[in-house]
Protein backbone atom coordinates (compact mmCIF):
# COMPACT_ATOMS: atom_id res chain seq x y z
CA MET A 1 106.44 98.00 75.44
CA ILE A 2 108.25 101.21 74.15
CA ALA A 3 104.46 103.25 74.05
CA ASN A 4 104.49 101.49 77.89
CA ILE A 5 107.73 103.19 78.41
CA PHE A 6 106.33 106.22 76.67
CA LYS A 7 103.40 106.95 78.50
CA SER A 8 104.94 105.97 82.21
CA LEU A 9 106.78 108.86 80.99
CA ILE A 10 104.38 111.30 80.17
CA ALA A 11 102.73 110.52 83.49
CA LEU A 12 105.66 111.36 85.40
CA VAL A 13 106.43 114.58 83.82
CA THR A 14 102.87 115.78 84.08
CA GLY A 15 102.46 115.16 87.86
CA PHE A 16 105.89 116.34 88.41
CA PHE A 17 104.27 119.99 86.95
CA GLN A 18 101.03 119.93 88.35
CA LYS A 19 100.97 121.96 91.83
CA LYS A 20 97.59 120.58 93.72
CA TYR A 21 96.27 116.81 93.76
CA LYS A 22 93.32 116.71 91.31
CA VAL A 23 90.90 114.09 91.40
CA VAL A 24 89.37 111.59 88.02
CA GLN A 25 86.88 109.40 88.77
CA ALA A 26 86.51 105.95 87.07
CA GLU A 27 84.88 103.08 86.87
CA ASP A 28 88.31 101.15 86.70
CA GLU A 29 91.06 101.32 88.01
CA PRO A 30 93.66 103.17 85.58
CA ILE A 31 96.55 101.10 83.85
CA PHE A 32 98.68 103.67 84.12
CA VAL A 33 98.45 106.01 87.59
CA THR A 34 99.38 109.46 87.14
CA ALA A 35 101.60 111.28 90.30
CA LYS A 36 99.11 114.21 92.39
CA THR A 37 95.87 112.65 91.15
CA VAL A 38 93.52 110.58 93.30
CA TYR A 39 91.43 107.92 91.41
CA MET A 40 88.39 107.48 92.97
CA ILE A 41 86.90 103.71 91.82
CA GLY A 42 83.20 103.14 91.49
CA GLU A 43 79.97 103.58 89.42
CA ASN A 44 76.74 105.60 89.73
CA GLY A 45 77.85 107.79 92.27
CA PHE A 46 79.29 105.00 94.69
CA TYR A 47 82.98 104.92 95.00
CA VAL A 48 84.50 101.77 96.50
CA TYR A 49 88.08 103.08 96.94
CA ALA A 50 90.25 105.49 96.06
CA LEU A 51 94.04 105.01 94.21
CA LEU A 52 96.99 106.98 94.00
CA MET A 53 100.82 107.31 94.05
CA CYS A 54 102.52 107.48 97.75
CA PRO A 55 103.54 111.18 97.39
CA CYS A 56 107.39 110.33 98.79
CA GLY A 57 108.56 109.33 95.33
CA CYS A 58 108.76 105.54 95.98
CA LYS A 59 106.42 104.41 93.14
CA ASN A 60 103.76 102.66 95.68
CA LYS A 61 100.26 102.25 95.21
CA ILE A 62 98.07 103.47 97.67
CA TYR A 63 94.16 102.34 98.07
CA LEU A 64 92.06 103.69 100.50
CA ASN A 65 88.90 102.08 101.29
CA LEU A 66 85.77 104.13 100.57
CA ILE A 67 82.79 101.73 101.56
CA PRO A 68 81.65 103.64 104.17
CA GLY A 69 80.50 101.52 107.58
CA SER A 70 83.55 99.35 107.07
CA LYS A 71 87.04 99.74 108.56
CA PRO A 72 89.50 101.36 107.78
CA THR A 73 87.68 103.97 105.94
CA TRP A 74 88.23 107.13 104.30
CA LYS A 75 86.34 110.49 103.15
CA ILE A 76 87.06 112.37 100.06
CA SER A 77 86.06 115.69 99.92
CA VAL A 78 86.20 117.71 96.72
CA GLU A 79 85.49 121.36 96.71
CA GLY A 80 85.46 123.18 93.27
CA LYS A 81 88.90 121.77 92.14
CA THR A 82 90.54 120.68 95.16
CA LEU A 83 90.16 117.82 97.54
CA THR A 84 90.86 116.76 101.19
CA ILE A 85 91.29 113.10 102.46
CA SER A 86 90.48 112.05 106.11
CA PRO A 87 92.09 110.83 108.18
CA SER A 88 95.66 110.83 107.33
CA ILE A 89 96.82 108.41 105.11
CA TRP A 90 99.66 106.43 107.17
CA GLY A 91 101.59 103.60 104.94
CA LYS A 92 101.81 100.06 107.52
CA SER A 93 104.38 99.02 104.86
CA GLY A 94 106.92 99.81 102.44
CA CYS A 95 107.89 103.64 103.27
CA LYS A 96 105.43 103.98 105.89
CA SER A 97 104.82 107.60 104.91
CA HIS A 98 102.06 109.33 106.83
CA PHE A 99 100.82 112.29 105.49
CA PHE A 100 97.15 114.01 104.93
CA ILE A 101 95.74 115.91 101.57
CA ARG A 102 93.97 118.80 102.53
CA LEU A 103 93.04 121.08 99.97
CA GLY A 104 94.86 119.29 96.97
CA GLU A 105 98.60 119.62 98.84
CA ILE A 106 100.13 117.32 101.32
CA VAL A 107 100.77 117.74 104.52
CA TRP A 108 103.34 115.69 106.34
CA ALA A 109 102.43 114.44 109.43
């Protein structure tokens, strides 16, 4: 339990000092989700969904479908070390935040 609290604290502090969102590619959902990180979950270059923490600070996890042809679906463009997600992300429950991620930064709608 203490190890889990310590890992959560490290993730919180790391995300606080990080200025732009970064992308992490993984085969499975991480146990600890770091702030300002978008996890693309899938394998062999095919990503099923993306996962990120809500940028408002409510600590809700946001899941974005990345499967082409299904709805709703989002597209992630990675340019160098920055990412853009389209269309906007609009939470339908919880805090109901509405925002874009453009060139690694939050743009509130």
